[in-house]
C-alpha atoms as a PDB file:
ATOM      1  CA  MET A   1    -148.960  15.739  50.244  1.00  0.00           C
ATOM      2  CA  GLY A   2    -146.912  18.464  51.872  1.00  0.00           C
ATOM      3  CA  SER A   3    -143.395  19.702  51.358  1.00  0.00           C
ATOM      4  CA  ARG A   4    -141.843  17.398  53.963  1.00  0.00           C
ATOM      5  CA  ILE A   5    -143.091  14.389  52.048  1.00  0.00           C
ATOM      6  CA  GLU A   6    -141.658  15.835  48.844  1.00  0.00           C
ATOM      7  CA  GLN A   7    -138.301  16.333  50.550  1.00  0.00           C
ATOM      8  CA  VAL A   8    -138.283  12.726  51.768  1.00  0.00           C
ATOM      9  CA  LYS A   9    -139.091  11.506  48.236  1.00  0.00           C
ATOM     10  CA  PHE A  10    -136.284  13.423  46.613  1.00  0.00           C
ATOM     11  CA  ALA A  11    -133.803  12.348  49.282  1.00  0.00           C
ATOM     12  CA  LEU A  12    -134.807   8.720  48.667  1.00  0.00           C
ATOM     13  CA  LEU A  13    -134.378   9.023  44.912  1.00  0.00           C
ATOM     14  CA  ALA A  14    -130.904  10.488  45.418  1.00  0.00           C
ATOM     15  CA  MET A  15    -129.721   7.489  47.447  1.00  0.00           C
ATOM     16  CA  GLN A  16    -127.801   4.483  46.164  1.00  0.00           C
ATOM     17  CA  ARG A  17    -129.976   1.407  46.599  1.00  0.00           C
ATOM     18  CA  HIS A  18    -129.466  -2.351  46.874  1.00  0.00           C
ATOM     19  CA  ALA A  19    -132.056  -4.908  45.784  1.00  0.00           C
ATOM     20  CA  TRP A  20    -134.464  -4.717  48.706  1.00  0.00           C
ATOM     21  CA  GLU A  21    -134.031  -0.949  48.969  1.00  0.00           C
ATOM     22  CA  GLN A  22    -135.007  -0.536  45.319  1.00  0.00           C
ATOM     23  CA  GLY A  23    -138.035  -2.718  45.946  1.00  0.00           C
ATOM     24  CA  VAL A  24    -139.311  -0.946  49.044  1.00  0.00           C
ATOM     25  CA  ALA A  25    -138.792   2.408  47.306  1.00  0.00           C
ATOM     26  CA  ALA A  26    -140.858   1.263  44.327  1.00  0.00           C
ATOM     27  CA  GLN A  27    -143.563  -0.050  46.651  1.00  0.00           C
ATOM     28  CA  ALA A  28    -143.671   3.286  48.473  1.00  0.00           C
ATOM     29  CA  PHE A  29    -144.298   5.201  45.252  1.00  0.00           C
ATOM     30  CA  LEU A  30    -146.861   2.613  44.167  1.00  0.00           C
ATOM     31  CA  GLU A  31    -148.846   3.029  47.390  1.00  0.00           C
ATOM     32  CA  LEU A  32    -148.569   6.819  47.217  1.00  0.00           C
ATOM     33  CA  GLY A  33    -150.200   6.626  43.796  1.00  0.00           C
ATOM     34  CA  GLU A  34    -147.142   8.014  42.028  1.00  0.00           C
ATOM     35  CA  GLU A  35    -147.150   5.209  39.530  1.00  0.00           C
ATOM     36  CA  HIS A  36    -144.720   6.846  37.099  1.00  0.00           C
ATOM     37  CA  TRP A  37    -141.946   6.628  39.701  1.00  0.00           C
ATOM     38  CA  ALA A  38    -142.860   3.058  40.659  1.00  0.00           C
ATOM     39  CA  ILE A  39    -142.656   2.025  37.001  1.00  0.00           C
ATOM     40  CA  ARG A  40    -139.289   3.719  36.513  1.00  0.00           C
ATOM     41  CA  LEU A  41    -137.869   2.016  39.599  1.00  0.00           C
ATOM     42  CA  ALA A  42    -139.272  -1.334  38.431  1.00  0.00           C
ATOM     43  CA  ARG A  43    -137.697  -0.913  35.005  1.00  0.00           C
ATOM     44  CA  ALA A  44    -134.355  -0.191  36.654  1.00  0.00           C
ATOM     45  CA  ALA A  45    -134.704  -3.334  38.777  1.00  0.00           C
ATOM     46  CA  ALA A  46    -135.393  -5.388  35.639  1.00  0.00           C
ATOM     47  CA  SER A  47    -132.375  -3.890  33.900  1.00  0.00           C
ATOM     48  CA  ARG A  48    -130.156  -5.310  36.634  1.00  0.00           C
ATOM     49  CA  GLN A  49    -131.704  -8.780  36.696  1.00  0.00           C
ATOM     50  CA  SER A  50    -129.211 -11.602  37.100  1.00  0.00           C
ATOM     51  CA  CYS A  51    -129.275 -14.599  34.772  1.00  0.00           C
ATOM     52  CA  ASP A  52    -131.012 -16.720  37.425  1.00  0.00           C
ATOM     53  CA  GLY A  53    -133.883 -14.234  37.730  1.00  0.00           C
ATOM     54  CA  ARG A  54    -133.023 -12.132  40.767  1.00  0.00           C
ATOM     55  CA  LEU A  55    -133.958  -8.478  40.338  1.00  0.00           C
ATOM     56  CA  ALA A  56    -131.962  -5.301  41.046  1.00  0.00           C
ATOM     57  CA  MET A  57    -128.763  -7.181  41.727  1.00  0.00           C
ATOM     58  CA  VAL A  58    -126.168  -4.646  42.831  1.00  0.00           C
ATOM     59  CA  GLY A  59    -123.240  -5.570  45.036  1.00  0.00           C
ATOM     60  CA  SER A  60    -123.480  -8.866  46.913  1.00  0.00           C
ATOM     61  CA  ASP A  61    -124.501 -11.994  44.997  1.00  0.00           C
ATOM     62  CA  THR A  62    -125.705 -13.798  48.139  1.00  0.00           C
ATOM     63  CA  GLN A  63    -129.213 -12.296  48.226  1.00  0.00           C
ATOM     64  CA  VAL A  64    -132.084 -14.773  47.814  1.00  0.00           C
ATOM     65  CA  THR A  65    -135.315 -13.144  48.991  1.00  0.00           C
ATOM     66  CA  ASP A  66    -134.315  -9.449  48.886  1.00  0.00           C
ATOM     67  CA  PRO A  67    -134.627  -9.148  45.070  1.00  0.00           C
ATOM     68  CA  ALA A  68    -138.269 -10.268  45.252  1.00  0.00           C
ATOM     69  CA  ALA A  69    -139.149  -7.013  47.035  1.00  0.00           C
ATOM     70  CA  ASN A  70    -139.203  -5.503  43.530  1.00  0.00           C
ATOM     71  CA  GLY A  71    -141.766  -7.983  42.282  1.00  0.00           C
ATOM     72  CA  GLU A  72    -145.069  -6.270  43.001  1.00  0.00           C
ATOM     73  CA  ALA A  73    -144.027  -2.988  41.368  1.00  0.00           C
ATOM     74  CA  LEU A  74    -142.650  -4.925  38.403  1.00  0.00           C
ATOM     75  CA  LEU A  75    -145.945  -6.794  37.967  1.00  0.00           C
ATOM     76  CA  PHE A  76    -147.749  -3.465  38.043  1.00  0.00           C
ATOM     77  CA  ALA A  77    -145.337  -1.954  35.517  1.00  0.00           C
ATOM     78  CA  ALA A  78    -145.751  -4.927  33.189  1.00  0.00           C
ATOM     79  CA  ARG A  79    -149.559  -4.765  33.331  1.00  0.00           C
ATOM     80  CA  THR A  80    -149.664  -1.000  32.914  1.00  0.00           C
ATOM     81  CA  SER A  81    -147.196  -0.752  30.059  1.00  0.00           C
ATOM     82  CA  GLY A  82    -147.925  -4.025  28.290  1.00  0.00           C
ATOM     83  CA  ASP A  83    -144.163  -4.441  28.037  1.00  0.00           C
ATOM     84  CA  ALA A  84    -143.386  -8.124  27.450  1.00  0.00           C
ATOM     85  CA  ILE A  85    -139.818  -7.669  28.674  1.00  0.00           C
ATOM     86  CA  LEU A  86    -141.058  -6.515  32.083  1.00  0.00           C
ATOM     87  CA  ALA A  87    -143.536  -9.394  32.234  1.00  0.00           C
ATOM     88  CA  GLN A  88    -140.736 -11.847  31.442  1.00  0.00           C
ATOM     89  CA  ALA A  89    -138.557 -10.300  34.142  1.00  0.00           C
ATOM     90  CA  ALA A  90    -141.310 -10.789  36.724  1.00  0.00           C
ATOM     91  CA  GLN A  91    -141.804 -14.377  35.598  1.00  0.00           C
ATOM     92  CA  LYS A  92    -138.072 -15.104  35.905  1.00  0.00           C
ATOM     93  CA  MET A  93    -138.094 -13.749  39.471  1.00  0.00           C
ATOM     94  CA  LEU A  94    -141.099 -15.918  40.266  1.00  0.00           C
ATOM     95  CA  ILE A  95    -139.516 -19.070  38.811  1.00  0.00           C
ATOM     96  CA  TYR A  96    -136.389 -18.421  40.854  1.00  0.00           C
ATOM     97  CA  LEU A  97    -138.415 -18.306  44.091  1.00  0.00           C
ATOM     98  CA  LEU A  98    -140.598 -21.289  43.239  1.00  0.00           C
ATOM     99  CA  GLN A  99    -137.957 -23.608  41.779  1.00  0.00           C
ATOM    100  CA  ASP A 100    -134.360 -22.501  42.117  1.00  0.00           C
ATOM    101  CA  ALA A 101    -133.834 -20.583  45.349  1.00  0.00           C
ATOM    102  CA  PRO A 102    -132.152 -22.468  48.217  1.00  0.00           C
ATOM    103  CA  ARG A 103    -134.525 -23.553  50.951  1.00  0.00           C
ATOM    104  CA  THR A 104    -135.149 -25.814  53.912  1.00  0.00           C
ATOM    105  CA  SER A 105    -136.279 -29.416  53.519  1.00  0.00           C
ATOM    106  CA  ASP A 106    -139.891 -28.280  53.995  1.00  0.00           C
ATOM    107  CA  GLY A 107    -139.535 -25.554  51.380  1.00  0.00           C
ATOM    108  CA  VAL A 108    -138.930 -22.388  53.395  1.00  0.00           C
ATOM    109  CA  LEU A 109    -136.690 -19.935  51.570  1.00  0.00           C
ATOM    110  CA  TYR A 110    -133.247 -19.145  52.857  1.00  0.00           C
ATOM    111  CA  HIS A 111    -132.470 -15.448  52.944  1.00  0.00           C
ATOM    112  CA  VAL A 112    -128.927 -15.824  51.602  1.00  0.00           C
ATOM    113  CA  LYS A 113    -127.127 -18.282  49.328  1.00  0.00           C
ATOM    114  CA  ASN A 114    -124.073 -18.812  51.517  1.00  0.00           C
ATOM    115  CA  ALA A 115    -125.704 -19.975  54.768  1.00  0.00           C
ATOM    116  CA  PRO A 116    -128.725 -22.133  55.716  1.00  0.00           C
ATOM    117  CA  GLN A 117    -130.450 -19.189  57.358  1.00  0.00           C
ATOM    118  CA  VAL A 118    -134.064 -18.038  57.604  1.00  0.00           C
ATOM    119  CA  TRP A 119    -134.247 -14.291  58.328  1.00  0.00           C
ATOM    120  CA  VAL A 120    -137.224 -12.321  59.599  1.00  0.00           C
ATOM    121  CA  ASP A 121    -136.563  -9.742  56.847  1.00  0.00           C
ATOM    122  CA  ALA A 122    -137.781 -12.287  54.309  1.00  0.00           C
ATOM    123  CA  LEU A 123    -141.367 -12.036  55.595  1.00  0.00           C
ATOM    124  CA  TYR A 124    -141.511  -8.719  53.750  1.00  0.00           C
ATOM    125  CA  MET A 125    -139.404  -9.578  50.733  1.00  0.00           C
ATOM    126  CA  ALA A 126    -140.935 -12.733  49.247  1.00  0.00           C
ATOM    127  CA  PRO A 127    -144.524 -13.501  50.390  1.00  0.00           C
ATOM    128  CA  PRO A 128    -146.155 -10.312  49.040  1.00  0.00           C
ATOM    129  CA  PHE A 129    -144.716 -10.904  45.581  1.00  0.00           C
ATOM    130  CA  LEU A 130    -145.777 -14.546  45.663  1.00  0.00           C
ATOM    131  CA  ALA A 131    -149.317 -13.520  46.577  1.00  0.00           C
ATOM    132  CA  ALA A 132    -149.427 -10.763  43.956  1.00  0.00           C
ATOM    133  CA  ALA A 133    -148.124 -13.175  41.305  1.00  0.00           C
ATOM    134  CA  GLY A 134    -151.014 -15.579  41.887  1.00  0.00           C
ATOM    135  CA  HIS A 135    -149.433 -17.972  44.379  1.00  0.00           C
ATOM    136  CA  PRO A 136    -151.212 -17.287  47.686  1.00  0.00           C
ATOM    137  CA  ASP A 137    -150.682 -20.865  48.889  1.00  0.00           C
ATOM    138  CA  GLU A 138    -146.921 -20.474  48.547  1.00  0.00           C
ATOM    139  CA  ALA A 139    -147.032 -17.047  50.181  1.00  0.00           C
ATOM    140  CA  MET A 140    -148.791 -18.544  53.199  1.00  0.00           C
ATOM    141  CA  HIS A 141    -146.448 -21.537  53.237  1.00  0.00           C
ATOM    142  CA  GLN A 142    -143.491 -19.175  53.507  1.00  0.00           C
ATOM    143  CA  ILE A 143    -145.119 -17.126  56.253  1.00  0.00           C
ATOM    144  CA  GLU A 144    -146.007 -20.214  58.280  1.00  0.00           C
ATOM    145  CA  GLY A 145    -142.520 -21.686  57.929  1.00  0.00           C
ATOM    146  CA  MET A 146    -140.796 -18.458  58.879  1.00  0.00           C
ATOM    147  CA  HIS A 147    -143.181 -17.853  61.770  1.00  0.00           C
ATOM    148  CA  LYS A 148    -142.570 -21.356  63.123  1.00  0.00           C
ATOM    149  CA  ARG A 149    -138.823 -20.822  63.198  1.00  0.00           C
ATOM    150  CA  LEU A 150    -138.550 -17.192  64.267  1.00  0.00           C
ATOM    151  CA  TRP A 151    -141.464 -16.401  66.586  1.00  0.00           C
ATOM    152  CA  ILE A 152    -140.564 -16.319  70.300  1.00  0.00           C
ATOM    153  CA  GLU A 153    -143.848 -16.936  72.060  1.00  0.00           C
ATOM    154  CA  LYS A 154    -142.786 -15.817  75.537  1.00  0.00           C
ATOM    155  CA  LYS A 155    -141.637 -12.454  74.162  1.00  0.00           C
ATOM    156  CA  GLN A 156    -144.372 -12.043  71.542  1.00  0.00           C
ATOM    157  CA  LEU A 157    -141.643 -10.942  69.146  1.00  0.00           C
ATOM    158  CA  TYR A 158    -139.673 -12.331  66.208  1.00  0.00           C
ATOM    159  CA  ALA A 159    -136.005 -13.218  66.508  1.00  0.00           C
ATOM    160  CA  HIS A 160    -133.747 -12.124  63.668  1.00  0.00           C
ATOM    161  CA  ILE A 161    -131.940 -15.167  62.185  1.00  0.00           C
ATOM    162  CA  TRP A 162    -132.546 -18.929  62.397  1.00  0.00           C
ATOM    163  CA  ASN A 163    -129.893 -21.449  61.350  1.00  0.00           C
ATOM    164  CA  GLU A 164    -131.594 -24.498  59.865  1.00  0.00           C
ATOM    165  CA  ALA A 165    -128.485 -26.677  59.981  1.00  0.00           C
ATOM    166  CA  ARG A 166    -127.941 -26.114  63.703  1.00  0.00           C
ATOM    167  CA  ARG A 167    -131.671 -25.948  64.502  1.00  0.00           C
ATOM    168  CA  ASP A 168    -131.003 -22.867  66.590  1.00  0.00           C
ATOM    169  CA  PHE A 169    -130.765 -19.109  66.266  1.00  0.00           C
ATOM    170  CA  ASP A 170    -127.731 -17.452  64.771  1.00  0.00           C
ATOM    171  CA  ARG A 171    -129.144 -14.226  66.143  1.00  0.00           C
ATOM    172  CA  ASP A 172    -131.944 -14.448  68.692  1.00  0.00           C
ATOM    173  CA  ALA A 173    -132.136 -10.680  69.257  1.00  0.00           C
ATOM    174  CA  CYS A 174    -135.607  -9.277  68.610  1.00  0.00           C
ATOM    175  CA  TRP A 175    -134.438  -6.671  66.141  1.00  0.00           C
ATOM    176  CA  GLY A 176    -136.921  -3.842  65.858  1.00  0.00           C
ATOM    177  CA  VAL A 177    -136.732  -3.312  62.117  1.00  0.00           C
ATOM    178  CA  GLY A 178    -136.973  -7.090  61.649  1.00  0.00           C
ATOM    179  CA  ASN A 179    -140.275  -7.104  63.514  1.00  0.00           C
ATOM    180  CA  GLY A 180    -141.319  -4.176  61.346  1.00  0.00           C
ATOM    181  CA  TRP A 181    -140.472  -6.119  58.192  1.00  0.00           C
ATOM    182  CA  ALA A 182    -142.603  -8.995  59.493  1.00  0.00           C
ATOM    183  CA  ALA A 183    -145.619  -6.856  60.420  1.00  0.00           C
ATOM    184  CA  ALA A 184    -145.574  -4.836  57.187  1.00  0.00           C
ATOM    185  CA  GLY A 185    -144.953  -7.865  54.965  1.00  0.00           C
ATOM    186  CA  MET A 186    -147.813  -9.863  56.437  1.00  0.00           C
ATOM    187  CA  THR A 187    -150.030  -6.785  56.163  1.00  0.00           C
ATOM    188  CA  ARG A 188    -149.324  -6.589  52.441  1.00  0.00           C
ATOM    189  CA  VAL A 189    -150.072 -10.298  51.996  1.00  0.00           C
ATOM    190  CA  LEU A 190    -153.334  -9.840  53.896  1.00  0.00           C
ATOM    191  CA  GLY A 191    -154.314  -7.144  51.410  1.00  0.00           C
ATOM    192  CA  LEU A 192    -153.565  -9.483  48.505  1.00  0.00           C
ATOM    193  CA  LEU A 193    -155.296 -12.666  49.705  1.00  0.00           C
ATOM    194  CA  PRO A 194    -158.684 -13.417  48.156  1.00  0.00           C
ATOM    195  CA  GLY A 195    -161.532 -12.671  50.571  1.00  0.00           C
ATOM    196  CA  ARG A 196    -162.748 -16.262  50.501  1.00  0.00           C
ATOM    197  CA  ARG A 197    -159.602 -17.432  52.294  1.00  0.00           C
ATOM    198  CA  THR A 198    -161.098 -16.544  55.647  1.00  0.00           C
ATOM    199  CA  GLY A 199    -159.062 -18.943  57.776  1.00  0.00           C
ATOM    200  CA  GLU A 200    -155.741 -17.739  56.426  1.00  0.00           C
ATOM    201  CA  ARG A 201    -156.805 -14.116  56.669  1.00  0.00           C
ATOM    202  CA  ARG A 202    -157.796 -14.636  60.300  1.00  0.00           C
ATOM    203  CA  ARG A 203    -154.456 -16.274  61.048  1.00  0.00           C
ATOM    204  CA  LEU A 204    -152.534 -13.416  59.453  1.00  0.00           C
ATOM    205  CA  VAL A 205    -154.457 -10.869  61.515  1.00  0.00           C
ATOM    206  CA  GLU A 206    -153.562 -12.863  64.633  1.00  0.00           C
ATOM    207  CA  TYR A 207    -149.870 -12.899  63.710  1.00  0.00           C
ATOM    208  CA  ILE A 208    -149.812  -9.196  62.863  1.00  0.00           C
ATOM    209  CA  GLN A 209    -151.707  -8.120  65.966  1.00  0.00           C
ATOM    210  CA  ALA A 210    -149.486 -10.242  68.201  1.00  0.00           C
ATOM    211  CA  THR A 211    -146.406  -8.595  66.655  1.00  0.00           C
ATOM    212  CA  LEU A 212    -147.883  -5.131  67.108  1.00  0.00           C
ATOM    213  CA  ASP A 213    -148.820  -5.768  70.727  1.00  0.00           C
ATOM    214  CA  GLY A 214    -145.456  -7.366  71.467  1.00  0.00           C
ATOM    215  CA  CYS A 215    -143.641  -4.296  70.148  1.00  0.00           C
ATOM    216  CA  LEU A 216    -145.984  -1.775  71.746  1.00  0.00           C
ATOM    217  CA  LYS A 217    -145.172  -3.142  75.204  1.00  0.00           C
ATOM    218  CA  HIS A 218    -141.704  -1.673  74.703  1.00  0.00           C
ATOM    219  CA  GLN A 219    -142.590   1.692  73.172  1.00  0.00           C
ATOM    220  CA  ARG A 220    -140.719   4.629  74.662  1.00  0.00           C
ATOM    221  CA  PRO A 221    -142.418   7.800  75.954  1.00  0.00           C
ATOM    222  CA  ASP A 222    -141.177   9.640  72.830  1.00  0.00           C
ATOM    223  CA  GLY A 223    -143.096   7.199  70.598  1.00  0.00           C
ATOM    224  CA  LEU A 224    -139.984   5.408  69.317  1.00  0.00           C
ATOM    225  CA  PHE A 225    -138.355   2.049  70.095  1.00  0.00           C
ATOM    226  CA  HIS A 226    -134.940   0.646  70.826  1.00  0.00           C
ATOM    227  CA  ASP A 227    -133.008  -1.085  68.045  1.00  0.00           C
ATOM    228  CA  VAL A 228    -133.498  -4.412  69.817  1.00  0.00           C
ATOM    229  CA  VAL A 229    -137.084  -3.971  70.922  1.00  0.00           C
ATOM    230  CA  ASP A 230    -136.767  -5.476  74.395  1.00  0.00           C
ATOM    231  CA  ASP A 231    -133.228  -4.252  75.141  1.00  0.00           C
ATOM    232  CA  PRO A 232    -133.128  -0.626  76.350  1.00  0.00           C
ATOM    233  CA  ARG A 233    -129.312  -0.705  76.224  1.00  0.00           C
ATOM    234  CA  THR A 234    -129.493  -0.540  72.418  1.00  0.00           C
ATOM    235  CA  PHE A 235    -129.835   2.740  70.530  1.00  0.00           C
ATOM    236  CA  VAL A 236    -133.126   4.527  69.946  1.00  0.00           C
ATOM    237  CA  GLU A 237    -134.283   3.879  66.389  1.00  0.00           C
ATOM    238  CA  THR A 238    -136.842   5.581  64.120  1.00  0.00           C
ATOM    239  CA  ASN A 239    -137.841   3.114  61.420  1.00  0.00           C
ATOM    240  CA  LEU A 240    -139.730   0.586  63.523  1.00  0.00           C
ATOM    241  CA  ALA A 241    -142.158   3.337  64.508  1.00  0.00           C
ATOM    242  CA  GLN A 242    -142.768   4.091  60.822  1.00  0.00           C
ATOM    243  CA  MET A 243    -143.203   0.414  59.962  1.00  0.00           C
ATOM    244  CA  LEU A 244    -145.670  -0.180  62.784  1.00  0.00           C
ATOM    245  CA  ALA A 245    -147.570   3.022  61.993  1.00  0.00           C
ATOM    246  CA  TYR A 246    -147.876   1.819  58.391  1.00  0.00           C
ATOM    247  CA  THR A 247    -149.224  -1.515  59.621  1.00  0.00           C
ATOM    248  CA  LEU A 248    -151.637   0.088  62.072  1.00  0.00           C
ATOM    249  CA  PHE A 249    -153.044   2.521  59.536  1.00  0.00           C
ATOM    250  CA  ARG A 250    -153.538  -0.279  56.991  1.00  0.00           C
ATOM    251  CA  GLY A 251    -155.291  -2.317  59.666  1.00  0.00           C
ATOM    252  CA  LEU A 252    -157.560   0.591  60.535  1.00  0.00           C
ATOM    253  CA  GLN A 253    -158.307   1.204  56.860  1.00  0.00           C
ATOM    254  CA  GLY A 254    -159.057  -2.487  56.320  1.00  0.00           C
ATOM    255  CA  GLY A 255    -161.227  -2.796  59.413  1.00  0.00           C
ATOM    256  CA  TRP A 256    -159.191  -5.611  60.942  1.00  0.00           C
ATOM    257  CA  LEU A 257    -157.814  -3.452  63.753  1.00  0.00           C
ATOM    258  CA  ASP A 258    -160.065  -1.514  66.092  1.00  0.00           C
ATOM    259  CA  GLU A 259    -159.962   2.239  66.614  1.00  0.00           C
ATOM    260  CA  THR A 260    -158.085   1.982  69.901  1.00  0.00           C
ATOM    261  CA  TYR A 261    -154.886   1.669  67.834  1.00  0.00           C
ATOM    262  CA  ARG A 262    -155.326   4.962  65.966  1.00  0.00           C
ATOM    263  CA  ALA A 263    -153.807   7.193  68.629  1.00  0.00           C
ATOM    264  CA  ARG A 264    -150.794   4.881  68.931  1.00  0.00           C
ATOM    265  CA  ALA A 265    -150.234   5.012  65.178  1.00  0.00           C
ATOM    266  CA  GLU A 266    -150.487   8.797  65.060  1.00  0.00           C
ATOM    267  CA  ARG A 267    -148.062   9.134  67.949  1.00  0.00           C
ATOM    268  CA  MET A 268    -145.473   7.080  66.061  1.00  0.00           C
ATOM    269  CA  ARG A 269    -146.146   9.048  62.895  1.00  0.00           C
ATOM    270  CA  ARG A 270    -145.507  12.365  64.617  1.00  0.00           C
ATOM    271  CA  ALA A 271    -142.334  11.021  66.238  1.00  0.00           C
ATOM    272  CA  ALA A 272    -141.068  10.041  62.775  1.00  0.00           C
ATOM    273  CA  HIS A 273    -141.940  13.461  61.334  1.00  0.00           C
ATOM    274  CA  ALA A 274    -139.832  15.067  64.055  1.00  0.00           C
ATOM    275  CA  LYS A 275    -136.837  13.073  62.782  1.00  0.00           C
ATOM    276  CA  VAL A 276    -136.880  14.492  59.241  1.00  0.00           C
ATOM    277  CA  ASP A 277    -134.085  17.012  58.737  1.00  0.00           C
ATOM    278  CA  ARG A 278    -133.948  20.008  56.392  1.00  0.00           C
ATOM    279  CA  ASP A 279    -132.615  17.807  53.570  1.00  0.00           C
ATOM    280  CA  GLY A 280    -135.548  15.384  53.805  1.00  0.00           C
ATOM    281  CA  LEU A 281    -133.504  12.643  55.471  1.00  0.00           C
ATOM    282  CA  VAL A 282    -135.213  10.559  58.143  1.00  0.00           C
ATOM    283  CA  GLN A 283    -132.600  10.519  60.876  1.00  0.00           C
ATOM    284  CA  ASP A 284    -131.737   7.773  63.389  1.00  0.00           C
ATOM    285  CA  VAL A 285    -133.063   4.809  61.459  1.00  0.00           C
ATOM    286  CA  CYS A 286    -130.778   1.757  61.294  1.00  0.00           C
ATOM    287  CA  GLY A 287    -128.175   3.376  59.114  1.00  0.00           C
ATOM    288  CA  VAL A 288    -126.368   2.164  56.024  1.00  0.00           C
ATOM    289  CA  PRO A 289    -124.146   0.364  55.320  1.00  0.00           C
ATOM    290  CA  ASP A 290    -124.270  -2.075  58.255  1.00  0.00           C
ATOM    291  CA  PHE A 291    -127.561  -1.125  59.979  1.00  0.00           C
ATOM    292  CA  ASP A 292    -125.911  -1.408  63.396  1.00  0.00           C
ATOM    293  CA  ARG A 293    -126.081   2.254  64.423  1.00  0.00           C
ATOM    294  CA  PRO A 294    -128.389   5.247  63.985  1.00  0.00           C
ATOM    295  CA  GLY A 295    -128.116   6.975  60.636  1.00  0.00           C
ATOM    296  CA  VAL A 296    -130.018   7.215  57.355  1.00  0.00           C
ATOM    297  CA  ALA A 297    -131.081   4.529  54.877  1.00  0.00           C
ATOM    298  CA  PRO A 298    -133.269   4.166  51.787  1.00  0.00           C
ATOM    299  CA  GLU A 299    -135.623   1.839  53.674  1.00  0.00           C
ATOM    300  CA  GLY A 300    -136.106   4.523  56.321  1.00  0.00           C
ATOM    301  CA  GLN A 301    -137.047   7.015  53.608  1.00  0.00           C
ATOM    302  CA  ALA A 302    -139.359   4.539  51.907  1.00  0.00           C
ATOM    303  CA  PHE A 303    -141.211   3.612  55.082  1.00  0.00           C
ATOM    304  CA  PHE A 304    -141.823   7.257  55.888  1.00  0.00           C
ATOM    305  CA  LEU A 305    -143.623   7.434  52.527  1.00  0.00           C
ATOM    306  CA  LEU A 306    -145.432   4.129  53.052  1.00  0.00           C
ATOM    307  CA  MET A 307    -146.576   5.365  56.467  1.00  0.00           C
ATOM    308  CA  GLU A 308    -147.891   8.575  54.912  1.00  0.00           C
ATOM    309  CA  ALA A 309    -149.747   6.695  52.168  1.00  0.00           C
ATOM    310  CA  ALA A 310    -151.362   4.438  54.761  1.00  0.00           C
ATOM    311  CA  ALA A 311    -152.235   7.377  57.032  1.00  0.00           C
ATOM    312  CA  ARG A 312    -153.892   9.197  54.109  1.00  0.00           C
ATOM    313  CA  ASP A 313    -155.893   6.099  53.186  1.00  0.00           C
ATOM    314  CA  ALA A 314    -156.967   5.628  56.826  1.00  0.00           C
ATOM    315  CA  GLY A 315    -158.337   9.168  56.925  1.00  0.00           C
ATOM    316  CA  GLN A 316    -155.597  10.882  58.943  1.00  0.00           C
ATOM    317  CA  PRO A 317    -155.053  14.578  58.260  1.00  0.00           C
ATOM    318  CA  GLU A 318    -151.770  15.709  56.760  1.00  0.00           C
ATOM    319  CA  ILE A 319    -149.144  16.861  59.263  1.00  0.00           C
ATOM    320  CA  ILE A 320    -148.159  20.444  58.502  1.00  0.00           C
ATOM    321  CA  ASP A 321    -145.733  22.326  60.736  1.00  0.00           C
END
């Protein structure tokens, strides 16, 4: 891995992180093979576990699914270290999702405690941990319930926020990063499902490919996308390109996407590389703290690294300027 990747890593580690940001950072280091960093980040998430089991709780207490983004790295850390405290922390997070977290009448997790809302972000946060923790049925149940509520068939894109009480969208915008969360989250679940579950694997591939194709219809000539995928009046944003490139490279590696997607993935990858500044910050992602304008964010850093790990594993050469 070249110096740009090292710069992005160090910039990520220097950033303040909330629950999901800690989790996606840990996952990035895990997929890069830098397990020592993944374990350290997982330990830090466990050290800030709330009494009800939610991991990495910093700031807002309303988060329901975001803390579960730390789960896979924590499971890895517990297995690798043999540390019973880490294993107990992972189990507490799992019990919270399975038994205590607020949800719809048919069992689909709300994204926050203070509103009956299903968010597209949650497709990344909870199902991969559920699958990794030995609950693939529940992982698929969550994906199916979220897909049913958030997928807009005529657009071939996911809306952002569904309100279960009103049976309507609180935000029907097809947020780019939200579609990236969905594609990447389902990709991770696909990699965790046992091979014998052929029907569910086939369905996941269909969902992922539909999301990819729906987004790619709106790709700009520079390889990037608008913040709301189908609304060119919104700002040009970097992270969706990274998230889709990650998904495409994992699909190519896994053999469930054909080679016609490789050039599209590499184009997005190179567009993202062009956005890294001299300090290792990936510019013009949905920026902290409100994600409503271009800026920098830990998730943008982490997905650059996830994209690079996936590109390496799919046989792409390193980008060196």
